[in-house]
Amino acid sequence: MFVNLPVPGDKIHTDLSGRGWEVQGQGAFIFDVVKDSSGPLGLKFKNWQTFADPTPILGEAIKRGIVPIEAITGSGA
């Protein structure tokens, strides 16, 4: 998973297409595919789940001052 944040930074990560990104995080997908003649090639997605670890993105957002640390820790409220 790659992201660019609203406050610009260096694009130090590259995806498989060669595009540059500012932050890289880990992610995963789970697909359930079923036979269905109305779908492309006779298949359709029944279920699709996406999982991502926001830690590297939040860490960079805190460093750049986009997100205050209090928003993460819950202190100062």
C-alpha atoms as a PDB file:
ATOM      1  CA  MET A   1       0.000   0.000   0.000  1.00  0.00           C
ATOM      2  CA  PHE A   2       1.429   3.361  -1.015  1.00  0.00           C
ATOM      3  CA  VAL A   3       0.237   6.884  -0.124  1.00  0.00           C
ATOM      4  CA  ASN A   4       1.099  10.527  -0.665  1.00  0.00           C
ATOM      5  CA  LEU A   5       0.184  12.852   2.193  1.00  0.00           C
ATOM      6  CA  PRO A   6      -1.390  16.344   1.924  1.00  0.00           C
ATOM      7  CA  VAL A   7       1.853  17.971   3.120  1.00  0.00           C
ATOM      8  CA  PRO A   8       4.318  17.066   0.331  1.00  0.00           C
ATOM      9  CA  GLY A   9       7.420  15.019   1.067  1.00  0.00           C
ATOM     10  CA  ASP A  10      10.060  13.043  -0.801  1.00  0.00           C
ATOM     11  CA  LYS A  11       8.743  10.212  -2.963  1.00  0.00           C
ATOM     12  CA  ILE A  12      11.229   7.571  -1.820  1.00  0.00           C
ATOM     13  CA  HIS A  13       9.110   4.450  -2.445  1.00  0.00           C
ATOM     14  CA  THR A  14       8.378   3.031  -5.908  1.00  0.00           C
ATOM     15  CA  ASP A  15       5.500   0.733  -6.855  1.00  0.00           C
ATOM     16  CA  LEU A  16       5.608  -1.995  -9.519  1.00  0.00           C
ATOM     17  CA  SER A  17       4.520   0.531 -12.165  1.00  0.00           C
ATOM     18  CA  GLY A  18       7.466   2.814 -11.365  1.00  0.00           C
ATOM     19  CA  ARG A  19       5.343   5.520  -9.692  1.00  0.00           C
ATOM     20  CA  GLY A  20       6.913   7.350  -6.749  1.00  0.00           C
ATOM     21  CA  TRP A  21       5.206   7.497  -3.361  1.00  0.00           C
ATOM     22  CA  GLU A  22       5.980   9.161  -0.031  1.00  0.00           C
ATOM     23  CA  VAL A  23       4.980   6.374   2.383  1.00  0.00           C
ATOM     24  CA  GLN A  24       4.705   2.606   2.076  1.00  0.00           C
ATOM     25  CA  GLY A  25       2.639   0.402   4.386  1.00  0.00           C
ATOM     26  CA  GLN A  26       1.795  -3.270   4.593  1.00  0.00           C
ATOM     27  CA  GLY A  27      -1.566  -4.492   3.339  1.00  0.00           C
ATOM     28  CA  ALA A  28      -3.370  -7.691   2.420  1.00  0.00           C
ATOM     29  CA  PHE A  29      -6.481  -8.791   0.540  1.00  0.00           C
ATOM     30  CA  ILE A  30      -8.839 -11.753   0.871  1.00  0.00           C
ATOM     31  CA  PHE A  31     -11.071 -12.592  -2.096  1.00  0.00           C
ATOM     32  CA  ASP A  32     -13.968 -15.045  -2.301  1.00  0.00           C
ATOM     33  CA  VAL A  33     -14.692 -15.829  -5.945  1.00  0.00           C
ATOM     34  CA  VAL A  34     -17.699 -17.872  -7.107  1.00  0.00           C
ATOM     35  CA  LYS A  35     -18.772 -19.304 -10.439  1.00  0.00           C
ATOM     36  CA  ASP A  36     -21.449 -17.100 -11.987  1.00  0.00           C
ATOM     37  CA  SER A  37     -22.189 -17.146 -15.701  1.00  0.00           C
ATOM     38  CA  SER A  38     -23.154 -13.452 -15.651  1.00  0.00           C
ATOM     39  CA  GLY A  39     -19.656 -12.403 -14.539  1.00  0.00           C
ATOM     40  CA  PRO A  40     -16.508 -11.892 -16.591  1.00  0.00           C
ATOM     41  CA  LEU A  41     -15.054 -15.298 -17.539  1.00  0.00           C
ATOM     42  CA  GLY A  42     -17.944 -16.909 -15.624  1.00  0.00           C
ATOM     43  CA  LEU A  43     -16.713 -15.671 -12.227  1.00  0.00           C
ATOM     44  CA  LYS A  44     -17.750 -12.978  -9.734  1.00  0.00           C
ATOM     45  CA  PHE A  45     -16.399 -11.673  -6.443  1.00  0.00           C
ATOM     46  CA  LYS A  46     -18.622 -12.806  -3.578  1.00  0.00           C
ATOM     47  CA  ASN A  47     -16.598 -11.090  -0.870  1.00  0.00           C
ATOM     48  CA  TRP A  48     -13.560  -8.788  -0.827  1.00  0.00           C
ATOM     49  CA  GLN A  49     -11.700  -7.746   2.348  1.00  0.00           C
ATOM     50  CA  THR A  50      -8.815  -5.307   2.575  1.00  0.00           C
ATOM     51  CA  PHE A  51      -6.448  -5.113   5.549  1.00  0.00           C
ATOM     52  CA  ALA A  52      -3.823  -2.436   6.173  1.00  0.00           C
ATOM     53  CA  ASP A  53      -1.419  -1.412   8.918  1.00  0.00           C
ATOM     54  CA  PRO A  54      -1.747   2.385   9.339  1.00  0.00           C
ATOM     55  CA  THR A  55       1.323   2.713  11.611  1.00  0.00           C
ATOM     56  CA  PRO A  56       3.877   3.937   9.010  1.00  0.00           C
ATOM     57  CA  ILE A  57       1.371   6.383   7.505  1.00  0.00           C
ATOM     58  CA  LEU A  58       0.318   7.788  10.877  1.00  0.00           C
ATOM     59  CA  GLY A  59       3.957   8.034  11.977  1.00  0.00           C
ATOM     60  CA  GLU A  60       4.852  10.115   8.928  1.00  0.00           C
ATOM     61  CA  ALA A  61       1.700  12.247   9.314  1.00  0.00           C
ATOM     62  CA  ILE A  62       2.703  13.015  12.925  1.00  0.00           C
ATOM     63  CA  LYS A  63       6.273  13.901  11.852  1.00  0.00           C
ATOM     64  CA  ARG A  64       4.940  16.335   9.239  1.00  0.00           C
ATOM     65  CA  GLY A  65       2.493  17.929  11.687  1.00  0.00           C
ATOM     66  CA  ILE A  66      -0.608  16.765   9.793  1.00  0.00           C
ATOM     67  CA  VAL A  67      -1.949  14.747  12.738  1.00  0.00           C
ATOM     68  CA  PRO A  68      -1.273  15.816  16.353  1.00  0.00           C
ATOM     69  CA  ILE A  69       0.047  13.068  18.624  1.00  0.00           C
ATOM     70  CA  GLU A  70      -2.902  13.762  20.946  1.00  0.00           C
ATOM     71  CA  ALA A  71      -5.258  12.471  18.235  1.00  0.00           C
ATOM     72  CA  ILE A  72      -3.510   9.093  18.456  1.00  0.00           C
ATOM     73  CA  THR A  73      -2.941   8.809  22.207  1.00  0.00           C
ATOM     74  CA  GLY A  74      -6.234  10.342  23.305  1.00  0.00           C
ATOM     75  CA  SER A  75      -4.462  12.630  25.802  1.00  0.00           C
ATOM     76  CA  GLY A  76      -5.219  16.314  26.126  1.00  0.00           C
ATOM     77  CA  ALA A  77      -8.962  15.978  25.643  1.00  0.00           C
END
